[in-house]
Amino acid sequence: MRIGDAAAAAGTTPRALRFYEQRGLLHPPARSASGQREYGPAEVARVRVIRRLLAVGLTVDDLASRVHRLDLLGQDPPVRCSDSPGPDTLAPVVHARLATLDAEIARLTTLRAKLAHHIATGGTEVPAEG
């Protein structure tokens, strides 16, 4: 199928498919005689996996670091992350992303408390740095 049809089947846009290809998340697709990209069910399944992982908070760079594992998650039934633990799996990437999110939540919580205090004091006290 052509890029527009593949993108629609995966719930995304042709631009996203080209971006995933540029970033190495998708293998370069076969080309028709006229040079148009040709996608099959395996590529559509892989894009669906990519989109699910991005939707839960992983980044393109996170996925690129474990690109060789993406097809496993697109299998039917999918291979669970915990079925093959180790440094080559997605688990360390997920744990690192969780730590990054926890740090950002802590930073924002502190920032919110400072701002709330500033408002509660009528804007007369400037919160201390740090």
Protein backbone atom coordinates (compact mmCIF):
# COMPACT_ATOMS: atom_id res chain seq x y z
CA MET A 1 0.00 0.00 0.00
CA ARG A 2 1.09 3.57 -0.58
CA ILE A 3 2.22 5.88 2.18
CA GLY A 4 -1.15 7.61 2.60
CA ASP A 5 -2.99 4.32 2.96
CA ALA A 6 -0.37 2.92 5.34
CA ALA A 7 -0.47 6.06 7.47
CA ALA A 8 -4.27 5.95 7.66
CA ALA A 9 -4.18 2.25 8.60
CA ALA A 10 -1.70 3.02 11.39
CA GLY A 11 -3.61 6.08 12.59
CA THR A 12 -1.00 8.65 11.67
CA THR A 13 0.18 10.82 8.80
CA PRO A 14 2.49 10.25 5.83
CA ARG A 15 4.79 12.88 7.33
CA ALA A 16 5.10 10.80 10.51
CA LEU A 17 6.04 7.71 8.49
CA ARG A 18 8.77 9.63 6.69
CA PHE A 19 9.99 11.01 10.04
CA TYR A 20 10.11 7.50 11.58
CA GLU A 21 12.05 6.32 8.54
CA GLN A 22 14.52 9.24 8.85
CA ARG A 23 15.06 8.48 12.54
CA GLY A 24 15.65 4.79 11.84
CA LEU A 25 12.48 3.51 13.51
CA LEU A 26 11.19 2.18 10.18
CA HIS A 27 13.31 0.39 7.62
CA PRO A 28 13.35 2.14 4.25
CA PRO A 29 10.33 0.72 2.45
CA ALA A 30 10.34 -0.93 -0.92
CA ARG A 31 9.70 1.43 -3.80
CA SER A 32 7.34 1.03 -6.70
CA ALA A 33 8.58 1.38 -10.28
CA SER A 34 7.57 5.04 -10.09
CA GLY A 35 9.56 5.52 -6.86
CA GLN A 36 6.64 5.64 -4.42
CA ARG A 37 7.03 4.05 -1.01
CA GLU A 38 5.27 0.70 -0.63
CA TYR A 39 4.24 -0.52 2.83
CA GLY A 40 2.89 -3.85 3.99
CA PRO A 41 1.10 -5.11 7.09
CA ALA A 42 4.37 -5.55 9.00
CA GLU A 43 5.28 -1.89 8.59
CA VAL A 44 1.79 -0.79 9.63
CA ALA A 45 2.03 -3.00 12.74
CA ARG A 46 5.42 -1.52 13.57
CA VAL A 47 4.09 2.04 13.25
CA ARG A 48 1.23 1.14 15.60
CA VAL A 49 3.78 -0.11 18.16
CA ILE A 50 5.82 3.08 17.76
CA ARG A 51 2.74 5.22 18.29
CA ARG A 52 1.67 3.27 21.38
CA LEU A 53 5.12 3.62 22.94
CA LEU A 54 5.27 7.34 22.16
CA ALA A 55 1.77 7.77 23.63
CA VAL A 56 2.87 6.33 26.99
CA GLY A 57 5.76 8.77 27.30
CA LEU A 58 8.77 7.25 25.59
CA THR A 59 10.65 9.45 23.13
CA VAL A 60 11.81 8.82 19.59
CA ASP A 61 15.38 8.66 20.94
CA ASP A 62 14.28 6.07 23.52
CA LEU A 63 12.82 3.93 20.75
CA ALA A 64 15.79 4.44 18.46
CA SER A 65 18.05 3.00 21.16
CA ARG A 66 16.09 -0.28 21.05
CA VAL A 67 14.84 -0.22 17.47
CA HIS A 68 15.76 -3.89 17.01
CA ARG A 69 13.15 -4.82 19.68
CA LEU A 70 10.17 -3.02 18.14
CA ASP A 71 9.12 -5.92 15.91
CA LEU A 72 8.83 -8.17 18.97
CA LEU A 73 6.16 -5.87 20.41
CA GLY A 74 4.25 -6.02 17.14
CA GLN A 75 3.98 -9.80 17.12
CA ASP A 76 0.69 -11.55 17.76
CA PRO A 77 0.70 -12.16 20.66
CA PRO A 78 3.25 -9.44 21.50
CA VAL A 79 6.37 -10.39 23.41
CA ARG A 80 6.22 -8.73 26.83
CA CYS A 81 9.10 -6.48 27.87
CA SER A 82 9.66 -8.56 30.99
CA ASP A 83 9.89 -11.85 29.05
CA SER A 84 13.46 -11.08 28.03
CA PRO A 85 15.02 -8.97 30.78
CA GLY A 86 18.46 -7.53 30.27
CA PRO A 87 20.38 -4.46 29.16
CA ASP A 88 19.35 -4.99 25.53
CA THR A 89 15.62 -4.88 26.28
CA LEU A 90 13.25 -1.95 26.53
CA ALA A 91 13.04 -2.24 30.35
CA PRO A 92 16.15 -0.08 31.12
CA VAL A 93 14.86 2.60 28.75
CA VAL A 94 11.46 2.58 30.45
CA HIS A 95 13.05 2.82 33.91
CA ALA A 96 15.25 5.72 32.79
CA ARG A 97 12.23 7.54 31.33
CA LEU A 98 10.32 6.98 34.60
CA ALA A 99 13.23 8.48 36.56
CA THR A 100 13.28 11.48 34.23
CA LEU A 101 9.54 11.96 34.64
CA ASP A 102 9.79 11.65 38.43
CA ALA A 103 12.51 14.32 38.51
CA GLU A 104 10.43 16.63 36.35
CA ILE A 105 7.35 16.07 38.53
CA ALA A 106 9.42 16.94 41.63
CA ARG A 107 10.77 20.08 39.94
CA LEU A 108 7.29 21.20 38.89
CA THR A 109 5.83 20.43 42.33
CA THR A 110 8.46 22.65 43.95
CA LEU A 111 7.86 25.38 41.40
CA ARG A 112 4.11 25.19 41.97
CA ALA A 113 4.56 25.45 45.75
CA LYS A 114 6.74 28.54 45.34
CA LEU A 115 4.23 30.18 43.05
CA ALA A 116 1.31 29.33 45.34
CA HIS A 117 3.24 30.81 48.28
CA HIS A 118 3.98 33.94 46.27
CA ILE A 119 0.28 34.38 45.48
CA ALA A 120 -0.77 33.58 49.06
CA THR A 121 1.46 36.37 50.36
CA GLY A 122 -0.10 38.82 47.94
CA GLY A 123 2.98 38.85 45.76
CA THR A 124 5.00 40.62 48.43
CA GLU A 125 7.44 37.79 49.03
CA VAL A 126 9.71 36.66 46.25
CA PRO A 127 10.45 32.93 46.65
CA ALA A 128 14.07 32.05 47.39
CA GLU A 129 16.14 30.41 44.69
CA GLY A 130 16.77 26.69 44.89
